[in-house]
Amino acid sequence: MKNIYTLPEPLPNSEQFEPIIQNQSLLIERIISTGQTTPEGEWYNQEQDEWVMLLQGEATLSDSDGSQIQLKPGDYLLIRAHQKHRVEYTSTNPPCIWLAIHGNLNENLQS
C-alpha cells in the first residue's frame, strides 16, 4: 500500500512524475511540484486529454488564449488534447501534489 501524500525526503529539486497505473491507453500519475514552472515561451501541447486535480499546494495555469486559472487543494480541470497551456506558478511550502489522468477521456467528463 502507498499513500499519495507521502513525499520523498529530501524533496528533489526537479518536478517528479510518478506513474501509478499505466497501459497503452491510460496513464494515472502523481506529480510533485516544488516551485517549477513551464519555461518562458514554451507551451504544453499534449497528444491526449489530461484530467488533473491539485491535492495539495497552490498553482496557476495559463491557456494560450491568455486566460489564467488559480488552483487550490481540491480544484480539478480537464485539459483537452492539443489545448496549449503552461504552468505559471507552483507553491513550495507546501509542495504541490497533483493527480493526473491522461488518455482519450470521455466527452461527457465534466471539467
PDB file of N, CA and C in Angstrom:
ATOM      1  N   MET A   1       0.839  -1.175   0.000  1.00  0.00           N
ATOM      2  CA  MET A   1       0.000   0.000   0.000  1.00  0.00           C
ATOM      3  C   MET A   1       0.887   1.242   0.000  1.00  0.00           C
ATOM      4  N   LYS A   2       0.455   2.252  -0.710  1.00  0.00           N
ATOM      5  CA  LYS A   2       1.168   3.529  -0.750  1.00  0.00           C
ATOM      6  C   LYS A   2       0.200   4.644  -0.377  1.00  0.00           C
ATOM      7  N   ASN A   3       0.745   5.811  -0.051  1.00  0.00           N
ATOM      8  CA  ASN A   3      -0.063   6.974   0.292  1.00  0.00           C
ATOM      9  C   ASN A   3       0.343   8.124  -0.618  1.00  0.00           C
ATOM     10  N   ILE A   4      -0.611   8.733  -1.291  1.00  0.00           N
ATOM     11  CA  ILE A   4      -0.322   9.781  -2.265  1.00  0.00           C
ATOM     12  C   ILE A   4       0.301  11.020  -1.621  1.00  0.00           C
ATOM     13  N   TYR A   5       0.091  11.195  -0.308  1.00  0.00           N
ATOM     14  CA  TYR A   5       0.630  12.360   0.398  1.00  0.00           C
ATOM     15  C   TYR A   5       2.030  12.132   0.975  1.00  0.00           C
ATOM     16  N   THR A   6       2.540  10.914   0.920  1.00  0.00           N
ATOM     17  CA  THR A   6       3.885  10.635   1.429  1.00  0.00           C
ATOM     18  C   THR A   6       4.905  11.118   0.401  1.00  0.00           C
ATOM     19  N   LEU A   7       5.728  12.066   0.812  1.00  0.00           N
ATOM     20  CA  LEU A   7       6.699  12.682  -0.090  1.00  0.00           C
ATOM     21  C   LEU A   7       8.100  12.143   0.176  1.00  0.00           C
ATOM     22  N   PRO A   8       8.936  12.100  -0.874  1.00  0.00           N
ATOM     23  CA  PRO A   8      10.319  11.672  -0.668  1.00  0.00           C
ATOM     24  C   PRO A   8      11.063  12.669   0.218  1.00  0.00           C
ATOM     25  N   GLU A   9      11.980  12.165   1.008  1.00  0.00           N
ATOM     26  CA  GLU A   9      12.833  13.002   1.870  1.00  0.00           C
ATOM     27  C   GLU A   9      14.280  12.815   1.459  1.00  0.00           C
ATOM     28  N   PRO A  10      15.001  13.829   1.146  1.00  0.00           N
ATOM     29  CA  PRO A  10      14.536  15.205   0.952  1.00  0.00           C
ATOM     30  C   PRO A  10      13.820  15.320  -0.386  1.00  0.00           C
ATOM     31  N   LEU A  11      13.047  16.384  -0.530  1.00  0.00           N
ATOM     32  CA  LEU A  11      12.370  16.633  -1.798  1.00  0.00           C
ATOM     33  C   LEU A  11      13.405  16.964  -2.868  1.00  0.00           C
ATOM     34  N   PRO A  12      13.298  16.350  -4.039  1.00  0.00           N
ATOM     35  CA  PRO A  12      14.246  16.670  -5.116  1.00  0.00           C
ATOM     36  C   PRO A  12      14.018  18.079  -5.651  1.00  0.00           C
ATOM     37  N   ASN A  13      15.025  18.626  -6.334  1.00  0.00           N
ATOM     38  CA  ASN A  13      14.922  19.969  -6.918  1.00  0.00           C
ATOM     39  C   ASN A  13      14.132  19.987  -8.218  1.00  0.00           C
ATOM     40  N   SER A  14      13.885  18.818  -8.791  1.00  0.00           N
ATOM     41  CA  SER A  14      13.160  18.750 -10.060  1.00  0.00           C
ATOM     42  C   SER A  14      11.755  18.219  -9.821  1.00  0.00           C
ATOM     43  N   GLU A  15      10.864  18.537 -10.750  1.00  0.00           N
ATOM     44  CA  GLU A  15       9.498  18.037 -10.685  1.00  0.00           C
ATOM     45  C   GLU A  15       9.514  16.514 -10.838  1.00  0.00           C
ATOM     46  N   GLN A  16       8.670  15.833 -10.072  1.00  0.00           N
ATOM     47  CA  GLN A  16       8.631  14.377 -10.079  1.00  0.00           C
ATOM     48  C   GLN A  16       7.332  13.883 -10.714  1.00  0.00           C
ATOM     49  N   PHE A  17       7.450  12.974 -11.679  1.00  0.00           N
ATOM     50  CA  PHE A  17       6.307  12.351 -12.335  1.00  0.00           C
ATOM     51  C   PHE A  17       6.346  10.872 -11.989  1.00  0.00           C
ATOM     52  N   GLU A  18       5.351  10.395 -11.246  1.00  0.00           N
ATOM     53  CA  GLU A  18       5.354   9.024 -10.744  1.00  0.00           C
ATOM     54  C   GLU A  18       4.119   8.279 -11.250  1.00  0.00           C
ATOM     55  N   PRO A  19       4.290   7.383 -12.224  1.00  0.00           N
ATOM     56  CA  PRO A  19       3.145   6.604 -12.707  1.00  0.00           C
ATOM     57  C   PRO A  19       2.549   5.746 -11.591  1.00  0.00           C
ATOM     58  N   ILE A  20       1.226   5.743 -11.504  1.00  0.00           N
ATOM     59  CA  ILE A  20       0.502   4.886 -10.558  1.00  0.00           C
ATOM     60  C   ILE A  20      -0.068   3.692 -11.318  1.00  0.00           C
ATOM     61  N   ILE A  21      -0.745   3.974 -12.430  1.00  0.00           N
ATOM     62  CA  ILE A  21      -1.268   2.956 -13.340  1.00  0.00           C
ATOM     63  C   ILE A  21      -0.934   3.416 -14.748  1.00  0.00           C
ATOM     64  N   GLN A  22      -0.414   2.499 -15.549  1.00  0.00           N
ATOM     65  CA  GLN A  22      -0.042   2.875 -16.909  1.00  0.00           C
ATOM     66  C   GLN A  22      -0.254   1.679 -17.835  1.00  0.00           C
ATOM     67  N   ASN A  23      -0.947   1.936 -18.954  1.00  0.00           N
ATOM     68  CA  ASN A  23      -1.054   0.951 -20.021  1.00  0.00           C
ATOM     69  C   ASN A  23      -1.075   1.703 -21.352  1.00  0.00           C
ATOM     70  N   GLN A  24      -1.413   1.038 -22.439  1.00  0.00           N
ATOM     71  CA  GLN A  24      -1.339   1.680 -23.756  1.00  0.00           C
ATOM     72  C   GLN A  24      -2.309   2.844 -23.926  1.00  0.00           C
ATOM     73  N   SER A  25      -3.425   2.840 -23.193  1.00  0.00           N
ATOM     74  CA  SER A  25      -4.443   3.867 -23.416  1.00  0.00           C
ATOM     75  C   SER A  25      -4.674   4.791 -22.223  1.00  0.00           C
ATOM     76  N   LEU A  26      -4.006   4.542 -21.099  1.00  0.00           N
ATOM     77  CA  LEU A  26      -4.282   5.313 -19.894  1.00  0.00           C
ATOM     78  C   LEU A  26      -3.021   5.469 -19.053  1.00  0.00           C
ATOM     79  N   LEU A  27      -2.853   6.669 -18.492  1.00  0.00           N
ATOM     80  CA  LEU A  27      -1.787   6.923 -17.520  1.00  0.00           C
ATOM     81  C   LEU A  27      -2.401   7.685 -16.362  1.00  0.00           C
ATOM     82  N   ILE A  28      -2.265   7.139 -15.165  1.00  0.00           N
ATOM     83  CA  ILE A  28      -2.628   7.841 -13.938  1.00  0.00           C
ATOM     84  C   ILE A  28      -1.317   8.065 -13.201  1.00  0.00           C
ATOM     85  N   GLU A  29      -1.038   9.322 -12.869  1.00  0.00           N
ATOM     86  CA  GLU A  29       0.238   9.619 -12.234  1.00  0.00           C
ATOM     87  C   GLU A  29       0.097  10.649 -11.131  1.00  0.00           C
ATOM     88  N   ARG A  30       1.064  10.578 -10.207  1.00  0.00           N
ATOM     89  CA  ARG A  30       1.217  11.623  -9.196  1.00  0.00           C
ATOM     90  C   ARG A  30       2.344  12.519  -9.676  1.00  0.00           C
ATOM     91  N   ILE A  31       2.114  13.830  -9.585  1.00  0.00           N
ATOM     92  CA  ILE A  31       3.137  14.808  -9.926  1.00  0.00           C
ATOM     93  C   ILE A  31       3.426  15.617  -8.665  1.00  0.00           C
ATOM     94  N   ILE A  32       4.697  15.779  -8.354  1.00  0.00           N
ATOM     95  CA  ILE A  32       5.111  16.606  -7.223  1.00  0.00           C
ATOM     96  C   ILE A  32       5.870  17.795  -7.791  1.00  0.00           C
ATOM     97  N   SER A  33       5.354  18.996  -7.526  1.00  0.00           N
ATOM     98  CA  SER A  33       5.995  20.234  -7.998  1.00  0.00           C
ATOM     99  C   SER A  33       6.455  21.033  -6.790  1.00  0.00           C
ATOM    100  N   THR A  34       7.665  21.560  -6.888  1.00  0.00           N
ATOM    101  CA  THR A  34       8.227  22.348  -5.790  1.00  0.00           C
ATOM    102  C   THR A  34       8.745  23.669  -6.334  1.00  0.00           C
ATOM    103  N   GLY A  35       7.837  24.420  -6.945  1.00  0.00           N
ATOM    104  CA  GLY A  35       8.202  25.723  -7.491  1.00  0.00           C
ATOM    105  C   GLY A  35       8.485  25.712  -8.977  1.00  0.00           C
ATOM    106  N   GLN A  36       8.399  24.560  -9.634  1.00  0.00           N
ATOM    107  CA  GLN A  36       8.692  24.502 -11.072  1.00  0.00           C
ATOM    108  C   GLN A  36       7.580  25.173 -11.882  1.00  0.00           C
ATOM    109  N   THR A  37       7.983  25.749 -13.007  1.00  0.00           N
ATOM    110  CA  THR A  37       7.055  26.355 -13.951  1.00  0.00           C
ATOM    111  C   THR A  37       7.478  25.945 -15.354  1.00  0.00           C
ATOM    112  N   THR A  38       6.598  26.191 -16.314  1.00  0.00           N
ATOM    113  CA  THR A  38       6.938  25.931 -17.709  1.00  0.00           C
ATOM    114  C   THR A  38       7.934  26.997 -18.150  1.00  0.00           C
ATOM    115  N   PRO A  39       9.018  26.619 -18.805  1.00  0.00           N
ATOM    116  CA  PRO A  39       9.991  27.616 -19.255  1.00  0.00           C
ATOM    117  C   PRO A  39       9.339  28.702 -20.128  1.00  0.00           C
ATOM    118  N   GLU A  40       9.822  29.917 -19.981  1.00  0.00           N
ATOM    119  CA  GLU A  40       9.294  31.075 -20.709  1.00  0.00           C
ATOM    120  C   GLU A  40       9.236  30.782 -22.208  1.00  0.00           C
ATOM    121  N   GLY A  41       8.094  31.091 -22.818  1.00  0.00           N
ATOM    122  CA  GLY A  41       7.917  30.918 -24.255  1.00  0.00           C
ATOM    123  C   GLY A  41       7.546  29.514 -24.677  1.00  0.00           C
ATOM    124  N   GLU A  42       7.495  28.553 -23.736  1.00  0.00           N
ATOM    125  CA  GLU A  42       7.134  27.175 -24.073  1.00  0.00           C
ATOM    126  C   GLU A  42       5.698  26.890 -23.631  1.00  0.00           C
ATOM    127  N   TRP A  43       5.060  25.933 -24.322  1.00  0.00           N
ATOM    128  CA  TRP A  43       3.685  25.527 -24.036  1.00  0.00           C
ATOM    129  C   TRP A  43       3.598  24.012 -24.051  1.00  0.00           C
ATOM    130  N   TYR A  44       2.793  23.457 -23.163  1.00  0.00           N
ATOM    131  CA  TYR A  44       2.442  22.042 -23.273  1.00  0.00           C
ATOM    132  C   TYR A  44       1.415  21.927 -24.393  1.00  0.00           C
ATOM    133  N   ASN A  45       1.575  20.937 -25.247  1.00  0.00           N
ATOM    134  CA  ASN A  45       0.653  20.659 -26.344  1.00  0.00           C
ATOM    135  C   ASN A  45       0.563  19.137 -26.442  1.00  0.00           C
ATOM    136  N   GLN A  46      -0.236  18.547 -25.575  1.00  0.00           N
ATOM    137  CA  GLN A  46      -0.247  17.105 -25.366  1.00  0.00           C
ATOM    138  C   GLN A  46      -1.126  16.381 -26.383  1.00  0.00           C
ATOM    139  N   GLU A  47      -0.732  15.153 -26.680  1.00  0.00           N
ATOM    140  CA  GLU A  47      -1.461  14.312 -27.637  1.00  0.00           C
ATOM    141  C   GLU A  47      -2.768  13.778 -27.071  1.00  0.00           C
ATOM    142  N   GLN A  48      -2.879  13.684 -25.738  1.00  0.00           N
ATOM    143  CA  GLN A  48      -4.064  13.128 -25.101  1.00  0.00           C
ATOM    144  C   GLN A  48      -4.682  14.132 -24.144  1.00  0.00           C
ATOM    145  N   ASP A  49      -5.957  13.894 -23.795  1.00  0.00           N
ATOM    146  CA  ASP A  49      -6.617  14.686 -22.769  1.00  0.00           C
ATOM    147  C   ASP A  49      -5.914  14.450 -21.434  1.00  0.00           C
ATOM    148  N   GLU A  50      -6.005  15.450 -20.554  1.00  0.00           N
ATOM    149  CA  GLU A  50      -5.470  15.310 -19.197  1.00  0.00           C
ATOM    150  C   GLU A  50      -6.479  15.876 -18.214  1.00  0.00           C
ATOM    151  N   TRP A  51      -6.926  15.028 -17.294  1.00  0.00           N
ATOM    152  CA  TRP A  51      -7.735  15.474 -16.175  1.00  0.00           C
ATOM    153  C   TRP A  51      -6.779  15.583 -15.005  1.00  0.00           C
ATOM    154  N   VAL A  52      -6.767  16.744 -14.363  1.00  0.00           N
ATOM    155  CA  VAL A  52      -5.795  16.962 -13.289  1.00  0.00           C
ATOM    156  C   VAL A  52      -6.499  17.559 -12.073  1.00  0.00           C
ATOM    157  N   MET A  53      -6.111  17.062 -10.884  1.00  0.00           N
ATOM    158  CA  MET A  53      -6.616  17.600  -9.618  1.00  0.00           C
ATOM    159  C   MET A  53      -5.420  17.982  -8.757  1.00  0.00           C
ATOM    160  N   LEU A  54      -5.502  19.167  -8.166  1.00  0.00           N
ATOM    161  CA  LEU A  54      -4.480  19.603  -7.220  1.00  0.00           C
ATOM    162  C   LEU A  54      -4.905  19.138  -5.830  1.00  0.00           C
ATOM    163  N   LEU A  55      -4.107  18.276  -5.236  1.00  0.00           N
ATOM    164  CA  LEU A  55      -4.429  17.716  -3.927  1.00  0.00           C
ATOM    165  C   LEU A  55      -3.831  18.529  -2.781  1.00  0.00           C
ATOM    166  N   GLN A  56      -2.701  19.183  -3.039  1.00  0.00           N
ATOM    167  CA  GLN A  56      -2.006  19.960  -2.009  1.00  0.00           C
ATOM    168  C   GLN A  56      -1.268  21.093  -2.696  1.00  0.00           C
ATOM    169  N   GLY A  57      -1.169  22.234  -2.013  1.00  0.00           N
ATOM    170  CA  GLY A  57      -0.426  23.374  -2.532  1.00  0.00           C
ATOM    171  C   GLY A  57      -1.313  24.324  -3.313  1.00  0.00           C
ATOM    172  N   GLU A  58      -0.676  25.219  -4.048  1.00  0.00           N
ATOM    173  CA  GLU A  58      -1.359  26.192  -4.895  1.00  0.00           C
ATOM    174  C   GLU A  58      -0.630  26.265  -6.215  1.00  0.00           C
ATOM    175  N   ALA A  59      -1.377  26.542  -7.293  1.00  0.00           N
ATOM    176  CA  ALA A  59      -0.772  26.599  -8.621  1.00  0.00           C
ATOM    177  C   ALA A  59      -1.569  27.543  -9.505  1.00  0.00           C
ATOM    178  N   THR A  60      -0.907  28.035 -10.552  1.00  0.00           N
ATOM    179  CA  THR A  60      -1.557  28.861 -11.561  1.00  0.00           C
ATOM    180  C   THR A  60      -1.218  28.288 -12.923  1.00  0.00           C
ATOM    181  N   LEU A  61      -2.257  28.080 -13.743  1.00  0.00           N
ATOM    182  CA  LEU A  61      -2.091  27.616 -15.114  1.00  0.00           C
ATOM    183  C   LEU A  61      -2.556  28.703 -16.061  1.00  0.00           C
ATOM    184  N   SER A  62      -1.912  28.801 -17.222  1.00  0.00           N
ATOM    185  CA  SER A  62      -2.321  29.732 -18.275  1.00  0.00           C
ATOM    186  C   SER A  62      -2.701  28.951 -19.512  1.00  0.00           C
ATOM    187  N   ASP A  63      -3.679  29.470 -20.233  1.00  0.00           N
ATOM    188  CA  ASP A  63      -4.104  28.908 -21.504  1.00  0.00           C
ATOM    189  C   ASP A  63      -3.562  29.807 -22.614  1.00  0.00           C
ATOM    190  N   SER A  64      -3.434  29.263 -23.813  1.00  0.00           N
ATOM    191  CA  SER A  64      -2.880  30.048 -24.918  1.00  0.00           C
ATOM    192  C   SER A  64      -3.780  31.219 -25.311  1.00  0.00           C
ATOM    193  N   ASP A  65      -5.052  31.221 -24.850  1.00  0.00           N
ATOM    194  CA  ASP A  65      -5.936  32.359 -25.125  1.00  0.00           C
ATOM    195  C   ASP A  65      -5.705  33.519 -24.157  1.00  0.00           C
ATOM    196  N   GLY A  66      -4.751  33.345 -23.226  1.00  0.00           N
ATOM    197  CA  GLY A  66      -4.422  34.404 -22.272  1.00  0.00           C
ATOM    198  C   GLY A  66      -5.110  34.268 -20.930  1.00  0.00           C
ATOM    199  N   SER A  67      -6.062  33.355 -20.809  1.00  0.00           N
ATOM    200  CA  SER A  67      -6.753  33.187 -19.526  1.00  0.00           C
ATOM    201  C   SER A  67      -5.863  32.439 -18.542  1.00  0.00           C
ATOM    202  N   GLN A  68      -6.112  32.690 -17.259  1.00  0.00           N
ATOM    203  CA  GLN A  68      -5.384  32.010 -16.191  1.00  0.00           C
ATOM    204  C   GLN A  68      -6.374  31.422 -15.209  1.00  0.00           C
ATOM    205  N   ILE A  69      -5.968  30.337 -14.578  1.00  0.00           N
ATOM    206  CA  ILE A  69      -6.772  29.729 -13.529  1.00  0.00           C
ATOM    207  C   ILE A  69      -5.862  29.467 -12.342  1.00  0.00           C
ATOM    208  N   GLN A  70      -6.337  29.888 -11.172  1.00  0.00           N
ATOM    209  CA  GLN A  70      -5.594  29.645  -9.941  1.00  0.00           C
ATOM    210  C   GLN A  70      -6.222  28.447  -9.253  1.00  0.00           C
ATOM    211  N   LEU A  71      -5.389  27.499  -8.881  1.00  0.00           N
ATOM    212  CA  LEU A  71      -5.855  26.251  -8.287  1.00  0.00           C
ATOM    213  C   LEU A  71      -5.455  26.172  -6.826  1.00  0.00           C
ATOM    214  N   LYS A  72      -6.356  25.639  -6.027  1.00  0.00           N
ATOM    215  CA  LYS A  72      -6.096  25.354  -4.618  1.00  0.00           C
ATOM    216  C   LYS A  72      -6.497  23.905  -4.378  1.00  0.00           C
ATOM    217  N   PRO A  73      -6.190  23.327  -3.228  1.00  0.00           N
ATOM    218  CA  PRO A  73      -6.481  21.915  -3.000  1.00  0.00           C
ATOM    219  C   PRO A  73      -7.948  21.572  -3.284  1.00  0.00           C
ATOM    220  N   GLY A  74      -8.117  20.497  -4.039  1.00  0.00           N
ATOM    221  CA  GLY A  74      -9.449  20.021  -4.398  1.00  0.00           C
ATOM    222  C   GLY A  74      -9.919  20.492  -5.763  1.00  0.00           C
ATOM    223  N   ASP A  75      -9.267  21.513  -6.331  1.00  0.00           N
ATOM    224  CA  ASP A  75      -9.660  22.009  -7.657  1.00  0.00           C
ATOM    225  C   ASP A  75      -9.186  21.045  -8.728  1.00  0.00           C
ATOM    226  N   TYR A  76     -10.016  20.867  -9.760  1.00  0.00           N
ATOM    227  CA  TYR A  76      -9.641  19.999 -10.875  1.00  0.00           C
ATOM    228  C   TYR A  76     -10.155  20.580 -12.176  1.00  0.00           C
ATOM    229  N   LEU A  77      -9.547  20.142 -13.271  1.00  0.00           N
ATOM    230  CA  LEU A  77      -9.972  20.583 -14.593  1.00  0.00           C
ATOM    231  C   LEU A  77      -9.571  19.568 -15.641  1.00  0.00           C
ATOM    232  N   LEU A  78     -10.223  19.677 -16.784  1.00  0.00           N
ATOM    233  CA  LEU A  78      -9.926  18.836 -17.927  1.00  0.00           C
ATOM    234  C   LEU A  78      -9.207  19.684 -18.967  1.00  0.00           C
ATOM    235  N   ILE A  79      -8.039  19.233 -19.363  1.00  0.00           N
ATOM    236  CA  ILE A  79      -7.265  19.892 -20.410  1.00  0.00           C
ATOM    237  C   ILE A  79      -7.341  18.981 -21.631  1.00  0.00           C
ATOM    238  N   ARG A  80      -8.003  19.451 -22.667  1.00  0.00           N
ATOM    239  CA  ARG A  80      -8.199  18.648 -23.869  1.00  0.00           C
ATOM    240  C   ARG A  80      -6.885  18.484 -24.633  1.00  0.00           C
ATOM    241  N   ALA A  81      -6.792  17.410 -25.394  1.00  0.00           N
ATOM    242  CA  ALA A  81      -5.628  17.182 -26.252  1.00  0.00           C
ATOM    243  C   ALA A  81      -5.395  18.417 -27.119  1.00  0.00           C
ATOM    244  N   HIS A  82      -4.153  18.819 -27.244  1.00  0.00           N
ATOM    245  CA  HIS A  82      -3.698  19.951 -28.058  1.00  0.00           C
ATOM    246  C   HIS A  82      -4.200  21.314 -27.563  1.00  0.00           C
ATOM    247  N   GLN A  83      -4.720  21.373 -26.344  1.00  0.00           N
ATOM    248  CA  GLN A  83      -5.058  22.657 -25.729  1.00  0.00           C
ATOM    249  C   GLN A  83      -3.768  23.201 -25.129  1.00  0.00           C
ATOM    250  N   LYS A  84      -3.188  24.186 -25.771  1.00  0.00           N
ATOM    251  CA  LYS A  84      -1.893  24.704 -25.305  1.00  0.00           C
ATOM    252  C   LYS A  84      -2.064  25.381 -23.953  1.00  0.00           C
ATOM    253  N   HIS A  85      -1.183  25.008 -23.021  1.00  0.00           N
ATOM    254  CA  HIS A  85      -1.241  25.547 -21.667  1.00  0.00           C
ATOM    255  C   HIS A  85       0.158  25.536 -21.063  1.00  0.00           C
ATOM    256  N   ARG A  86       0.300  26.282 -19.972  1.00  0.00           N
ATOM    257  CA  ARG A  86       1.582  26.338 -19.273  1.00  0.00           C
ATOM    258  C   ARG A  86       1.338  26.476 -17.775  1.00  0.00           C
ATOM    259  N   VAL A  87       2.323  26.082 -17.007  1.00  0.00           N
ATOM    260  CA  VAL A  87       2.289  26.225 -15.553  1.00  0.00           C
ATOM    261  C   VAL A  87       3.046  27.501 -15.209  1.00  0.00           C
ATOM    262  N   GLU A  88       2.350  28.456 -14.620  1.00  0.00           N
ATOM    263  CA  GLU A  88       2.948  29.754 -14.279  1.00  0.00           C
ATOM    264  C   GLU A  88       3.500  29.796 -12.856  1.00  0.00           C
ATOM    265  N   TYR A  89       2.913  28.984 -11.964  1.00  0.00           N
ATOM    266  CA  TYR A  89       3.310  29.037 -10.556  1.00  0.00           C
ATOM    267  C   TYR A  89       2.962  27.716  -9.891  1.00  0.00           C
ATOM    268  N   THR A  90       3.856  27.218  -9.054  1.00  0.00           N
ATOM    269  CA  THR A  90       3.561  26.125  -8.123  1.00  0.00           C
ATOM    270  C   THR A  90       4.189  26.478  -6.780  1.00  0.00           C
ATOM    271  N   SER A  91       3.452  26.216  -5.716  1.00  0.00           N
ATOM    272  CA  SER A  91       3.953  26.554  -4.372  1.00  0.00           C
ATOM    273  C   SER A  91       5.072  25.602  -3.954  1.00  0.00           C
ATOM    274  N   THR A  92       5.893  26.112  -3.045  1.00  0.00           N
ATOM    275  CA  THR A  92       6.973  25.294  -2.493  1.00  0.00           C
ATOM    276  C   THR A  92       6.663  24.837  -1.068  1.00  0.00           C
ATOM    277  N   ASN A  93       5.870  25.612  -0.347  1.00  0.00           N
ATOM    278  CA  ASN A  93       5.532  25.286   1.029  1.00  0.00           C
ATOM    279  C   ASN A  93       4.046  25.521   1.260  1.00  0.00           C
ATOM    280  N   PRO A  94       3.219  24.513   1.117  1.00  0.00           N
ATOM    281  CA  PRO A  94       3.602  23.136   0.851  1.00  0.00           C
ATOM    282  C   PRO A  94       3.857  22.898  -0.640  1.00  0.00           C
ATOM    283  N   PRO A  95       4.597  21.841  -0.959  1.00  0.00           N
ATOM    284  CA  PRO A  95       4.777  21.488  -2.358  1.00  0.00           C
ATOM    285  C   PRO A  95       3.427  21.075  -2.966  1.00  0.00           C
ATOM    286  N   CYS A  96       3.337  21.179  -4.273  1.00  0.00           N
ATOM    287  CA  CYS A  96       2.116  20.758  -4.963  1.00  0.00           C
ATOM    288  C   CYS A  96       2.131  19.247  -5.158  1.00  0.00           C
ATOM    289  N   ILE A  97       1.001  18.644  -4.870  1.00  0.00           N
ATOM    290  CA  ILE A  97       0.775  17.240  -5.207  1.00  0.00           C
ATOM    291  C   ILE A  97      -0.414  17.222  -6.156  1.00  0.00           C
ATOM    292  N   TRP A  98      -0.186  16.690  -7.349  1.00  0.00           N
ATOM    293  CA  TRP A  98      -1.207  16.603  -8.382  1.00  0.00           C
ATOM    294  C   TRP A  98      -1.565  15.135  -8.608  1.00  0.00           C
ATOM    295  N   LEU A  99      -2.811  14.886  -8.975  1.00  0.00           N
ATOM    296  CA  LEU A  99      -3.228  13.596  -9.500  1.00  0.00           C
ATOM    297  C   LEU A  99      -3.661  13.863 -10.934  1.00  0.00           C
ATOM    298  N   ALA A 100      -3.010  13.212 -11.890  1.00  0.00           N
ATOM    299  CA  ALA A 100      -3.286  13.453 -13.301  1.00  0.00           C
ATOM    300  C   ALA A 100      -3.678  12.150 -13.983  1.00  0.00           C
ATOM    301  N   ILE A 101      -4.697  12.246 -14.832  1.00  0.00           N
ATOM    302  CA  ILE A 101      -5.151  11.117 -15.633  1.00  0.00           C
ATOM    303  C   ILE A 101      -5.042  11.533 -17.093  1.00  0.00           C
ATOM    304  N   HIS A 102      -4.269  10.766 -17.861  1.00  0.00           N
ATOM    305  CA  HIS A 102      -4.044  11.049 -19.276  1.00  0.00           C
ATOM    306  C   HIS A 102      -4.697   9.946 -20.106  1.00  0.00           C
ATOM    307  N   GLY A 103      -5.383  10.332 -21.171  1.00  0.00           N
ATOM    308  CA  GLY A 103      -5.980   9.346 -22.069  1.00  0.00           C
ATOM    309  C   GLY A 103      -6.963  10.019 -22.998  1.00  0.00           C
ATOM    310  N   ASN A 104      -7.635   9.226 -23.789  1.00  0.00           N
ATOM    311  CA  ASN A 104      -8.725   9.734 -24.619  1.00  0.00           C
ATOM    312  C   ASN A 104      -9.969   9.687 -23.757  1.00  0.00           C
ATOM    313  N   LEU A 105     -10.196  10.763 -23.024  1.00  0.00           N
ATOM    314  CA  LEU A 105     -11.219  10.776 -21.993  1.00  0.00           C
ATOM    315  C   LEU A 105     -12.596  11.075 -22.594  1.00  0.00           C
ATOM    316  N   ASN A 106     -13.601  10.552 -21.966  1.00  0.00           N
ATOM    317  CA  ASN A 106     -14.979  10.654 -22.414  1.00  0.00           C
ATOM    318  C   ASN A 106     -15.396  12.110 -22.600  1.00  0.00           C
ATOM    319  N   GLU A 107     -16.036  12.398 -23.704  1.00  0.00           N
ATOM    320  CA  GLU A 107     -16.525  13.755 -23.994  1.00  0.00           C
ATOM    321  C   GLU A 107     -17.478  14.264 -22.910  1.00  0.00           C
ATOM    322  N   ASN A 108     -18.147  13.371 -22.201  1.00  0.00           N
ATOM    323  CA  ASN A 108     -19.131  13.778 -21.180  1.00  0.00           C
ATOM    324  C   ASN A 108     -18.501  14.066 -19.829  1.00  0.00           C
ATOM    325  N   LEU A 109     -17.190  13.864 -19.725  1.00  0.00           N
ATOM    326  CA  LEU A 109     -16.500  14.126 -18.463  1.00  0.00           C
ATOM    327  C   LEU A 109     -16.593  15.605 -18.146  1.00  0.00           C
ATOM    328  N   GLN A 110     -16.960  15.937 -16.923  1.00  0.00           N
ATOM    329  CA  GLN A 110     -17.095  17.335 -16.508  1.00  0.00           C
ATOM    330  C   GLN A 110     -15.735  17.927 -16.214  1.00  0.00           C
ATOM    331  N   SER A 111     -15.472  19.129 -16.716  1.00  0.00           N
ATOM    332  CA  SER A 111     -14.205  19.791 -16.438  1.00  0.00           C
ATOM    333  C   SER A 111     -14.354  20.809 -15.342  1.00  0.00           C
TER     334      SER A 111
END
